[in-house]
Protein backbone atom coordinates (compact mmCIF):
# COMPACT_ATOMS: atom_id res chain seq x y z
CA UNK A 1 165.97 72.73 87.05
CA UNK A 2 167.96 72.81 83.79
CA UNK A 3 167.25 70.33 81.01
CA UNK A 4 169.93 67.83 79.93
CA UNK A 5 170.21 68.81 76.26
CA UNK A 6 173.88 68.51 75.29
CA UNK A 7 175.09 71.83 73.73
CA UNK A 8 176.46 71.53 70.19
CA UNK A 9 178.42 73.98 68.05
CA UNK A 10 176.22 76.79 67.00
CA UNK A 11 175.58 76.80 63.23
CA UNK A 12 172.43 78.93 62.75
CA UNK A 13 170.47 75.72 62.05
CA UNK A 14 167.32 75.05 64.02
CA UNK A 15 166.42 71.49 64.76
CA UNK A 16 162.87 71.85 66.07
CA UNK A 17 162.58 68.25 67.22
CA UNK A 18 165.43 68.67 69.69
CA UNK A 19 164.87 72.21 70.92
CA UNK A 20 161.13 72.37 71.26
CA UNK A 21 159.63 72.72 73.76
CA UNK A 22 162.15 74.36 76.20
CA UNK A 23 162.63 71.84 78.92
CA UNK A 24 163.97 73.99 81.78
CA UNK A 25 161.86 74.28 84.91
CA UNK A 26 161.77 77.68 86.62
CA UNK A 27 162.06 77.46 90.35
CA UNK A 28 161.47 79.90 93.22
CA UNK A 29 162.50 82.30 94.47
CA UNK A 30 161.73 84.74 91.69
CA UNK A 31 163.03 88.29 91.43
CA UNK A 32 161.11 91.39 90.16
CA UNK A 33 162.73 91.07 86.73
CA UNK A 34 161.68 87.46 86.37
CA UNK A 35 158.14 88.32 87.48
CA UNK A 36 157.94 91.02 84.78
CA UNK A 37 159.23 88.56 82.16
CA UNK A 38 156.53 86.10 83.16
CA UNK A 39 153.94 88.85 83.20
CA UNK A 40 154.66 89.66 79.56
CA UNK A 41 155.27 86.02 78.41
CA UNK A 42 155.53 83.05 80.77
CA UNK A 43 157.13 80.87 78.09
CA UNK A 44 160.15 83.14 77.99
CA UNK A 45 161.16 82.20 81.58
CA UNK A 46 161.19 78.53 80.49
CA UNK A 47 163.66 79.41 77.75
CA UNK A 48 165.72 81.35 80.25
CA UNK A 49 166.05 78.22 82.44
CA UNK A 50 166.83 75.90 79.49
CA UNK A 51 170.08 74.90 77.78
CA UNK A 52 170.81 74.52 74.11
CA UNK A 53 169.77 78.01 73.01
CA UNK A 54 172.49 80.37 71.81
CA UNK A 55 172.04 83.64 73.77
CA UNK A 56 172.14 87.12 72.53
CA UNK A 57 172.60 90.06 74.92
CA UNK A 58 171.93 93.48 73.43
CA UNK A 59 174.92 95.88 73.50
CA UNK A 60 172.91 98.33 75.55
CA UNK A 61 172.48 95.61 78.18
CA UNK A 62 176.22 94.94 78.13
CA UNK A 63 176.86 98.66 78.88
CA UNK A 64 174.27 98.48 81.70
CA UNK A 65 175.89 95.47 83.28
CA UNK A 66 179.28 97.17 83.17
CA UNK A 67 177.78 100.27 84.77
CA UNK A 68 176.10 98.38 87.58
CA UNK A 69 179.22 96.41 88.40
CA UNK A 70 181.33 99.57 88.39
CA UNK A 71 178.77 101.21 90.67
CA UNK A 72 178.95 98.24 93.02
CA UNK A 73 182.73 98.40 93.14
CA UNK A 74 182.61 101.99 94.39
CA UNK A 75 181.23 100.87 97.73
CA UNK A 76 182.80 97.40 97.86
CA UNK A 77 186.25 98.88 97.16
CA UNK A 78 186.09 102.64 97.98
CA UNK A 79 188.45 104.84 96.06
CA UNK A 80 191.04 105.86 98.65
CA UNK A 81 191.42 109.52 97.73
CA UNK A 82 189.71 112.82 98.34
CA UNK A 83 191.15 114.27 95.16
CA UNK A 84 188.28 114.67 92.61
CA UNK A 85 190.63 114.11 89.66
CA UNK A 86 191.91 110.82 91.08
CA UNK A 87 188.33 109.72 91.91
CA UNK A 88 187.11 110.47 88.38
CA UNK A 89 190.11 108.74 86.79
CA UNK A 90 189.77 105.61 88.91
CA UNK A 91 185.98 105.34 88.38
CA UNK A 92 186.49 105.70 84.65
CA UNK A 93 189.19 103.02 84.69
CA UNK A 94 186.90 100.59 86.53
CA UNK A 95 184.09 101.13 84.06
CA UNK A 96 186.29 100.64 81.06
CA UNK A 97 187.65 97.46 82.62
CA UNK A 98 184.15 96.13 83.25
CA UNK A 99 183.05 97.09 79.73
CA UNK A 100 186.14 95.37 78.24
CA UNK A 101 185.06 92.16 80.07
CA UNK A 102 181.58 92.47 78.63
CA UNK A 103 182.97 93.03 75.12
CA UNK A 104 185.14 89.96 75.48
CA UNK A 105 182.05 87.91 76.28
CA UNK A 106 180.22 89.55 73.39
CA UNK A 107 182.98 88.47 70.97
CA UNK A 108 182.58 84.82 72.02
CA UNK A 109 178.92 84.76 71.07
CA UNK A 110 178.12 84.28 67.32
CA UNK A 111 174.79 86.15 67.62
CA UNK A 112 176.44 89.18 69.16
CA UNK A 113 179.68 89.53 67.22
CA UNK A 114 178.20 91.83 64.53
CA UNK A 115 176.33 94.11 67.05
CA UNK A 116 177.79 97.59 66.85
CA UNK A 117 179.36 99.38 69.80
CA UNK A 118 177.10 102.28 70.88
CA UNK A 119 179.56 105.09 71.65
CA UNK A 120 176.83 107.48 72.84
CA UNK A 121 175.60 105.06 75.44
CA UNK A 122 179.17 104.22 76.50
CA UNK A 123 179.93 107.86 77.02
CA UNK A 124 176.75 108.48 79.03
CA UNK A 125 177.59 105.47 81.24
CA UNK A 126 181.15 106.74 81.71
CA UNK A 127 179.88 110.14 82.79
CA UNK A 128 177.28 108.65 85.08
CA UNK A 129 179.92 106.45 86.81
CA UNK A 130 182.22 109.37 87.49
CA UNK A 131 179.36 111.47 88.83
CA UNK A 132 178.29 108.64 91.14
CA UNK A 133 181.90 108.05 92.26
CA UNK A 134 182.18 111.66 93.38
CA UNK A 135 178.94 111.32 95.27
CA UNK A 136 179.81 108.03 96.94
CA UNK A 137 183.21 109.42 97.97
CA UNK A 138 181.39 111.83 100.34
CA UNK A 139 180.22 108.85 102.40
CA UNK A 140 183.45 106.97 102.97
CA UNK A 141 184.66 107.73 106.54
CA UNK A 142 186.33 104.46 107.45
CA UNK A 143 185.41 101.05 108.92
CA UNK A 144 185.77 101.93 112.60
CA UNK A 145 183.20 104.75 112.32
CA UNK A 146 180.84 102.52 110.43
CA UNK A 147 181.10 99.78 113.01
CA UNK A 148 180.49 102.20 115.83
CA UNK A 149 177.44 103.54 114.07
CA UNK A 150 176.09 100.03 113.54
CA UNK A 151 176.13 99.53 117.29
CA UNK A 152 174.26 102.83 117.89
CA UNK A 153 171.61 102.29 115.25
CA UNK A 154 170.39 98.69 115.63
CA UNK A 155 167.16 99.62 113.88
CA UNK A 156 168.96 99.87 110.53
CA UNK A 157 169.24 96.37 109.05
CA UNK A 158 172.45 95.58 107.31
CA UNK A 159 172.50 91.79 107.07
CA UNK A 160 173.60 90.55 103.72
CA UNK A 161 174.57 94.00 102.37
CA UNK A 162 177.38 93.96 99.82
CA UNK A 163 178.71 97.21 101.23
CA UNK A 164 177.82 99.81 103.77
CA UNK A 165 178.94 103.30 104.80
CA UNK A 166 177.83 106.39 106.67
CA UNK A 167 178.02 109.93 105.51
CA UNK A 168 179.04 112.92 107.56
CA UNK A 169 175.53 113.25 108.93
CA UNK A 170 175.51 109.71 110.19
CA UNK A 171 172.99 108.57 107.60
CA UNK A 172 173.23 104.94 106.58
CA UNK A 173 173.99 103.92 102.95
CA UNK A 174 173.46 100.28 102.02
CA UNK A 175 174.02 98.80 98.56
CA UNK A 176 173.27 95.50 96.92
CA UNK A 177 171.22 94.24 99.87
CA UNK A 178 169.25 90.99 99.44
CA UNK A 179 165.59 90.93 100.42
CA UNK A 180 163.05 88.12 100.38
CA UNK A 181 159.34 87.49 100.98
CA UNK A 182 158.29 85.66 104.15
CA UNK A 183 157.11 82.64 102.16
CA UNK A 184 160.39 82.45 100.16
CA UNK A 185 158.64 82.72 96.81
CA UNK A 186 159.98 86.17 95.96
CA UNK A 187 163.42 87.67 96.32
CA UNK A 188 165.59 90.50 95.08
CA UNK A 189 168.65 92.57 95.50
CA UNK A 190 168.20 96.35 96.00
CA UNK A 191 170.65 98.63 94.18
CA UNK A 192 170.81 101.26 96.89
CA UNK A 193 169.19 102.06 100.24
CA UNK A 194 169.81 104.96 102.58
CA UNK A 195 168.51 106.08 106.01
CA UNK A 196 167.05 109.56 105.83
CA UNK A 197 167.52 112.21 108.54
CA UNK A 198 163.95 111.65 109.66
CA UNK A 199 164.63 107.94 110.25
CA UNK A 200 162.88 106.60 107.16
CA UNK A 201 164.49 104.54 104.44
CA UNK A 202 164.81 105.48 100.78
CA UNK A 203 165.17 102.75 98.16
CA UNK A 204 166.80 103.62 94.80
CA UNK A 205 166.73 101.46 91.68
CA UNK A 206 169.12 102.41 88.90
CA UNK A 207 168.03 101.88 85.27
CA UNK A 208 170.52 102.26 82.41
CA UNK A 209 167.77 103.06 79.87
CA UNK A 210 167.91 106.19 77.79
CA UNK A 211 164.39 107.41 78.37
CA UNK A 212 162.47 110.08 80.20
CA UNK A 213 159.20 108.29 81.02
CA UNK A 214 158.54 105.83 83.81
CA UNK A 215 157.13 102.47 82.56
CA UNK A 216 154.67 100.71 84.78
CA UNK A 217 156.98 97.68 84.99
CA UNK A 218 159.72 99.83 86.62
CA UNK A 219 157.20 101.08 89.15
CA UNK A 220 156.01 97.57 90.01
CA UNK A 221 159.61 96.35 90.38
CA UNK A 222 160.38 98.99 92.97
CA UNK A 223 157.06 98.54 94.73
CA UNK A 224 157.87 94.81 94.92
CA UNK A 225 161.27 95.69 96.38
CA UNK A 226 159.47 97.86 98.97
CA UNK A 227 157.27 94.88 99.96
CA UNK A 228 160.28 92.56 100.18
CA UNK A 229 162.12 95.20 102.32
CA UNK A 230 159.17 95.14 104.70
CA UNK A 231 159.01 91.37 104.76
CA UNK A 232 162.71 91.12 105.46
CA UNK A 233 163.24 93.96 107.94
CA UNK A 234 159.79 94.80 109.32
CA UNK A 235 159.54 98.40 108.13
CA UNK A 236 158.03 100.10 105.07
CA UNK A 237 160.38 102.38 103.09
CA UNK A 238 159.51 106.05 103.31
CA UNK A 239 160.51 106.81 99.76
CA UNK A 240 161.53 105.02 96.52
CA UNK A 241 163.12 106.40 93.39
CA UNK A 242 163.85 105.11 89.90
CA UNK A 243 166.99 106.86 88.67
CA UNK A 244 168.22 107.04 85.07
CA UNK A 245 171.89 107.93 85.61
CA UNK A 246 172.56 108.03 81.83
CA UNK A 247 170.07 110.87 81.40
CA UNK A 248 169.94 112.41 84.85
CA UNK A 249 166.20 111.78 85.22
CA UNK A 250 164.64 110.77 88.54
CA UNK A 251 161.15 109.47 89.17
CA UNK A 252 159.46 109.06 92.53
CA UNK A 253 157.52 105.79 92.97
CA UNK A 254 154.57 105.44 95.32
CA UNK A 255 155.34 102.89 98.03
CA UNK A 256 151.98 102.95 99.88
CA UNK A 257 151.65 99.61 101.71
CA UNK A 258 148.33 98.87 100.03
CA UNK A 259 149.76 99.29 96.58
CA UNK A 260 152.84 97.22 97.38
CA UNK A 261 150.76 94.43 98.86
CA UNK A 262 148.65 94.35 95.67
CA UNK A 263 151.78 94.16 93.49
CA UNK A 264 152.98 91.31 95.69
CA UNK A 265 149.70 89.50 95.33
CA UNK A 266 149.88 89.83 91.54
CA UNK A 267 153.45 88.59 91.58
CA UNK A 268 152.43 85.48 93.54
CA UNK A 269 149.62 84.80 91.12
CA UNK A 270 152.03 85.01 88.19
CA UNK A 271 154.54 82.73 89.86
CA UNK A 272 151.89 80.17 90.77
CA UNK A 273 150.90 79.92 87.10
CA UNK A 274 154.04 77.82 86.74
CA UNK A 275 152.39 75.14 88.88
CA UNK A 276 149.38 74.71 86.53
CA UNK A 277 151.22 72.40 84.12
CA UNK A 278 150.17 74.32 81.03
CA UNK A 279 151.69 73.42 77.64
CA UNK A 280 154.39 75.58 76.14
CA UNK A 281 151.90 76.92 73.57
CA UNK A 282 149.47 78.01 76.34
CA UNK A 283 152.28 79.76 78.29
CA UNK A 284 153.24 81.99 75.35
CA UNK A 285 151.90 85.56 74.75
CA UNK A 286 153.21 86.37 71.31
CA UNK A 287 153.04 89.96 70.13
CA UNK A 288 155.08 93.10 70.18
CA UNK A 289 156.72 91.91 73.44
CA UNK A 290 158.66 89.46 71.23
CA UNK A 291 160.85 92.30 69.91
CA UNK A 292 162.98 92.13 73.03
CA UNK A 293 163.09 88.31 73.30
CA UNK A 294 166.28 86.55 72.25
CA UNK A 295 164.43 83.21 71.91
CA UNK A 296 162.32 84.12 68.91
CA UNK A 297 164.25 81.82 66.50
CA UNK A 298 163.02 78.70 68.42
CA UNK A 299 159.58 79.84 69.57
CA UNK A 300 156.81 78.07 67.73
CA UNK A 301 153.99 80.27 69.14
CA UNK A 302 155.79 83.35 67.84
CA UNK A 303 156.11 81.96 64.27
CA UNK A 304 152.51 80.77 64.35
CA UNK A 305 151.39 84.26 65.44
CA UNK A 306 153.35 85.79 62.58
CA UNK A 307 151.85 83.35 60.05
CA UNK A 308 148.29 83.85 61.22
CA UNK A 309 147.95 87.59 60.46
CA UNK A 310 144.75 87.94 58.51
CA UNK A 311 145.75 91.27 56.99
CA UNK A 312 148.64 91.31 54.57
CA UNK A 313 149.30 94.95 55.47
CA UNK A 314 149.63 94.08 59.14
CA UNK A 315 151.87 91.13 58.22
CA UNK A 316 154.15 93.44 56.30
CA UNK A 317 154.40 95.82 59.27
CA UNK A 318 155.05 93.01 61.74
CA UNK A 319 157.55 91.14 59.52
CA UNK A 320 160.34 93.22 61.09
CA UNK A 321 159.94 91.05 64.19
CA UNK A 322 160.57 87.99 62.03
CA UNK A 323 159.27 86.29 58.93
CA UNK A 324 159.54 82.63 57.83
CA UNK A 325 159.40 81.34 54.28
CA UNK A 326 160.72 78.78 51.76
CA UNK A 327 163.84 79.54 49.74
CA UNK A 328 163.00 79.91 46.04
CA UNK A 329 166.26 81.45 44.79
CA UNK A 330 169.75 81.25 46.30
CA UNK A 331 172.88 82.51 44.60
CA UNK A 332 176.16 84.06 45.56
CA UNK A 333 177.39 87.02 43.43
CA UNK A 334 180.02 89.65 44.18
CA UNK A 335 180.40 88.36 47.76
CA UNK A 336 176.71 88.87 48.42
CA UNK A 337 173.95 86.28 48.90
CA UNK A 338 170.87 86.96 46.81
CA UNK A 339 167.94 85.06 48.22
CA UNK A 340 164.28 85.01 47.34
CA UNK A 341 161.92 83.66 49.91
CA UNK A 342 158.28 82.66 49.42
CA UNK A 343 156.45 84.21 52.35
CA UNK A 344 152.64 84.20 52.46
CA UNK A 345 151.60 85.25 48.94
CA UNK A 346 154.70 87.38 48.46
CA UNK A 347 158.30 86.85 47.30
CA UNK A 348 160.75 88.56 49.64
CA UNK A 349 164.17 89.48 48.21
CA UNK A 350 167.19 89.50 50.56
CA UNK A 351 170.63 90.78 49.55
CA UNK A 352 173.15 90.10 52.36
CA UNK A 353 176.95 90.20 52.67
CA UNK A 354 178.56 86.75 52.46
CA UNK A 355 180.76 87.41 55.48
CA UNK A 356 177.73 88.32 57.60
CA UNK A 357 175.80 85.22 56.80
CA UNK A 358 178.23 82.36 56.03
CA UNK A 359 175.57 79.88 57.11
CA UNK A 360 173.75 80.36 53.82
CA UNK A 361 176.37 78.10 52.19
CA UNK A 362 174.42 75.30 53.90
CA UNK A 363 171.07 76.48 52.55
CA UNK A 364 169.27 74.90 49.59
CA UNK A 365 166.26 75.51 47.50
CA UNK A 366 163.07 74.46 49.27
CA UNK A 367 164.56 74.87 52.73
CA UNK A 368 162.77 77.06 55.35
CA UNK A 369 164.43 80.25 56.37
CA UNK A 370 163.70 82.46 59.38
CA UNK A 371 164.75 86.15 59.16
CA UNK A 372 164.71 88.44 62.13
CA UNK A 373 164.98 92.21 62.46
CA UNK A 374 164.65 92.93 58.75
CA UNK A 375 162.16 95.61 57.73
CA UNK A 376 160.27 95.03 54.48
CA UNK A 377 159.74 97.85 52.02
CA UNK A 378 158.80 98.29 48.40
CA UNK A 379 156.14 96.39 46.47
CA UNK A 380 153.48 94.65 48.60
CA UNK A 381 154.07 91.30 46.94
CA UNK A 382 157.71 91.65 46.04
CA UNK A 383 159.16 93.52 49.00
CA UNK A 384 162.90 94.04 49.71
CA UNK A 385 164.21 93.10 53.11
CA UNK A 386 166.45 95.72 54.66
CA UNK A 387 169.46 94.06 56.35
CA UNK A 388 170.77 95.92 59.46
CA UNK A 389 173.45 95.16 62.03
CA UNK A 390 170.76 93.49 64.17
CA UNK A 391 169.43 91.19 61.42
CA UNK A 392 169.74 87.42 61.74
CA UNK A 393 169.06 84.52 59.43
CA UNK A 394 168.34 80.97 60.69
CA UNK A 395 167.79 77.82 58.65
CA UNK A 396 165.20 75.26 59.76
CA UNK A 397 165.71 71.52 59.37
């Protein structure tokens, strides 16, 4: 259930009395992604369900969304051609169209407007979409054949599938199919499922990450999908793969029933934690996980964790996640803000373009400032903050 905070124009000013704690209430069913968020920090899911917080989606995530939606379109709206050149051209057009929509949304968000376009990631996504389009094209044989095959193979569940096809061998391909646990607590939507020649089912989860390793959270997500497939359709998948289409890497994930049941048990324990009525402070797990959280500016436990570092050396290293201090010096010179902030026992110097941080015109000496994604370097007690395209500055009332 969402809270009833009335959104106001975003001005980089944090009013802690009105935005703390997050008042949204997460409700079941929960998907694998939500479970992993809660596993790392339960408080973050409360922020996700709350209004009043200006959001910030990383550009890499924008590319990933455009890629997945383009992929989905290939089976929802098959490309009606057997000409590889036409297939590649149409798939590329769809991806560019989806990416343009994502960039339009990006441009409406103040916290995202300065994030740079990642051309390498865009190119990798474009290549991956065209490769997938050529592969999917091999399956498209027409609706009448699919319907006939559905009648012959009643053991292959298709209810709720966004799209379905068969290939020339009569193997089922199902995409974007919803699955849910028997108790209704857990749910998900599987990227891709196919019936193998031996009768088993293979689940595939696409990840738009640029990496070669397989994080445990990706394994758990697919194992949870396997459990939900079993709960929904009464059969265990024979295989499961995590695929990185941007790099071409593929990883096999163990879907042994005992493992999947244990992952499901842990997921339920995590979800049930929401019923314990713990305070926001007790739900938080501040640490390096905060680097990927867009709610850092408003999160009291995060700022308390940053302030409580016993070692100044460790505090300097972790300041890149965010540091908070009192403004000692504030001046505008040559279209650059020159700010000195008292932080711990140090004085941090920030030189920032005026056009990047117009909100500093509302700052004043003695006001608290929160800086995010600025690495500190130089003298231990007079460090310089390095401003990057990801850096942000918030003022605190």
